[in-house]
Amino acid sequence: MAELSAATKRTFVGVPEVLNLKTVGNDTYYEGALLQIDADGYADVPSNTAALPPAGVYSGRQGQSFAVASGSHDEIEMLRGKCWVAFSGAAQSDVGELFYLSDDNTLTQTASSKTWALLCVGYKSGYVLVDFANPVYIG
């Protein structure tokens, strides 16, 4: 998978928790984006090298494509709960494994320098069910 360039629908199991977070400026957030919380406490697009906690999934409430101006910290609605995310090669054996945010559309099973993970709690062909409501600190 690659970083989002358009909105994507995500499916949750159960009712996700809703929270509003301020964003990092000078970026565009797409509905369905998998986001992290940066070192300053803002929702941000993950970096494959960042050791920052998952924030959740951008709901799209502010628009399917939401541009935040440089220097601005607009608020967006995030969803946290059990969410199906596409993962190539997903298998039953992934249940119970840890997954890491690589970018706003991609999970990886390689920790690299990441210290936060998401637990896989389900699987279906092409998808893993990860729990954004209970990120796991491994640092």
Protein backbone atom coordinates (compact mmCIF):
# COMPACT_ATOMS: atom_id res chain seq x y z
CA MET A 1 0.00 0.00 0.00
CA ALA A 2 1.01 3.62 -0.30
CA GLU A 3 0.23 6.90 1.37
CA LEU A 4 -3.33 8.09 0.75
CA SER A 5 -4.03 10.54 -2.07
CA ALA A 6 -7.83 10.19 -1.85
CA ALA A 7 -10.46 9.24 0.72
CA THR A 8 -10.88 5.58 1.63
CA LYS A 9 -13.70 4.02 3.64
CA ARG A 10 -12.79 2.07 6.80
CA THR A 11 -15.06 -0.38 8.56
CA PHE A 12 -15.18 -0.62 12.34
CA VAL A 13 -16.39 -3.52 14.48
CA GLY A 14 -18.60 -2.13 17.23
CA VAL A 15 -19.01 1.54 17.98
CA PRO A 16 -15.75 3.48 17.78
CA GLU A 17 -14.81 6.15 20.31
CA VAL A 18 -14.93 9.66 18.82
CA LEU A 19 -12.33 12.25 19.75
CA ASN A 20 -11.25 15.56 18.31
CA LEU A 21 -7.57 16.29 17.88
CA LYS A 22 -5.72 19.31 16.58
CA THR A 23 -3.62 18.67 13.50
CA VAL A 24 -0.14 19.43 12.29
CA GLY A 25 -0.30 22.30 9.80
CA ASN A 26 0.69 22.19 6.14
CA ASP A 27 -0.78 18.78 5.32
CA THR A 28 -3.86 17.21 3.77
CA TYR A 29 -5.85 14.61 5.69
CA TYR A 30 -7.98 12.14 3.75
CA GLU A 31 -11.00 10.31 5.12
CA GLY A 32 -9.84 6.93 6.40
CA ALA A 33 -6.28 8.11 7.11
CA LEU A 34 -4.46 6.17 9.84
CA LEU A 35 -2.87 8.87 11.98
CA GLN A 36 -0.43 9.13 14.86
CA ILE A 37 0.05 11.67 17.66
CA ASP A 38 3.27 13.61 17.15
CA ALA A 39 5.69 14.67 19.88
CA ASP A 40 3.83 18.00 20.28
CA GLY A 41 0.43 16.31 20.74
CA TYR A 42 -0.99 16.90 17.24
CA ALA A 43 -2.58 14.36 14.88
CA ASP A 44 -0.15 13.70 12.05
CA VAL A 45 0.54 11.39 9.11
CA PRO A 46 2.79 8.56 10.35
CA SER A 47 6.42 8.26 9.39
CA ASN A 48 7.94 4.82 8.94
CA THR A 49 10.65 5.81 11.42
CA ALA A 50 8.57 7.56 14.07
CA ALA A 51 8.20 6.18 17.59
CA LEU A 52 4.87 7.87 18.23
CA PRO A 53 1.48 6.48 19.38
CA PRO A 54 -1.41 5.77 17.00
CA ALA A 55 -4.16 8.43 17.18
CA GLY A 56 -6.89 6.63 15.24
CA VAL A 57 -8.66 6.95 11.90
CA TYR A 58 -9.75 10.30 10.43
CA SER A 59 -13.55 10.13 10.15
CA GLY A 60 -13.90 12.46 7.17
CA ARG A 61 -16.36 14.64 9.09
CA GLN A 62 -14.48 17.81 8.12
CA GLY A 63 -14.41 16.66 4.46
CA GLN A 64 -13.09 13.71 2.49
CA SER A 65 -9.98 15.76 1.79
CA PHE A 66 -9.15 18.29 4.50
CA ALA A 67 -6.22 20.65 3.88
CA VAL A 68 -4.65 22.36 6.88
CA ALA A 69 -2.69 25.54 6.17
CA SER A 70 0.89 26.00 7.29
CA GLY A 71 1.03 27.24 10.88
CA SER A 72 -2.60 26.28 11.51
CA HIS A 73 -3.75 23.53 13.90
CA ASP A 74 -7.31 22.80 12.80
CA GLU A 75 -9.27 20.17 14.69
CA ILE A 76 -10.38 16.91 13.06
CA GLU A 77 -12.62 14.11 14.23
CA MET A 78 -10.83 10.83 14.91
CA LEU A 79 -12.30 7.38 15.45
CA ARG A 80 -10.69 4.82 17.77
CA GLY A 81 -11.77 1.21 17.97
CA LYS A 82 -11.40 -2.06 16.10
CA CYS A 83 -10.88 -1.23 12.42
CA TRP A 84 -10.38 -3.39 9.33
CA VAL A 85 -7.24 -2.34 7.43
CA ALA A 86 -6.05 -3.86 4.14
CA PHE A 87 -2.93 -5.96 4.56
CA SER A 88 -1.40 -8.02 1.75
CA GLY A 89 -0.97 -11.62 2.79
CA ALA A 90 -3.27 -11.35 5.82
CA ALA A 91 -3.67 -14.74 7.51
CA GLN A 92 -5.24 -16.32 10.56
CA SER A 93 -1.76 -16.52 12.09
CA ASP A 94 -1.67 -12.67 12.18
CA VAL A 95 -4.25 -12.66 14.99
CA GLY A 96 -2.39 -11.83 18.20
CA GLU A 97 0.51 -10.25 16.28
CA LEU A 98 1.58 -6.60 16.50
CA PHE A 99 1.28 -4.19 13.58
CA TYR A 100 2.87 -0.76 13.17
CA LEU A 101 1.81 2.34 11.24
CA SER A 102 4.03 2.89 8.23
CA ASP A 103 2.07 5.75 6.64
CA ASP A 104 -1.55 6.93 6.64
CA ASN A 105 -2.70 3.87 4.66
CA THR A 106 -0.17 1.16 5.46
CA LEU A 107 0.54 -1.27 8.28
CA THR A 108 3.78 -3.18 8.65
CA GLN A 109 4.91 -5.99 10.93
CA THR A 110 8.43 -4.55 11.12
CA ALA A 111 8.98 -2.44 14.24
CA SER A 112 12.14 -0.60 13.10
CA SER A 113 12.39 2.31 15.57
CA LYS A 114 8.68 2.29 16.42
CA THR A 115 7.74 1.93 20.08
CA TRP A 116 3.94 1.77 19.63
CA ALA A 117 1.94 -0.99 17.95
CA LEU A 118 -1.61 -2.12 17.25
CA LEU A 119 -2.77 -5.60 18.22
CA CYS A 120 -4.37 -7.67 15.47
CA VAL A 121 -7.62 -9.10 16.89
CA GLY A 122 -9.14 -10.54 13.71
CA TYR A 123 -8.53 -11.48 10.11
CA LYS A 124 -10.40 -11.89 6.84
CA SER A 125 -9.01 -12.31 3.36
CA GLY A 126 -6.88 -9.26 2.56
CA TYR A 127 -7.55 -7.50 5.88
CA VAL A 128 -6.50 -7.46 9.51
CA LEU A 129 -8.64 -6.12 12.35
CA VAL A 130 -6.48 -3.85 14.52
CA ASP A 131 -7.45 -2.22 17.78
CA PHE A 132 -6.82 1.55 17.76
CA ALA A 133 -8.51 1.95 21.15
CA ASN A 134 -5.75 0.02 22.93
CA PRO A 135 -2.34 0.74 21.37
CA VAL A 136 0.52 -1.30 22.76
CA TYR A 137 3.70 0.36 24.03
CA ILE A 138 6.73 -1.85 23.28
CA GLY A 139 9.51 0.68 23.87
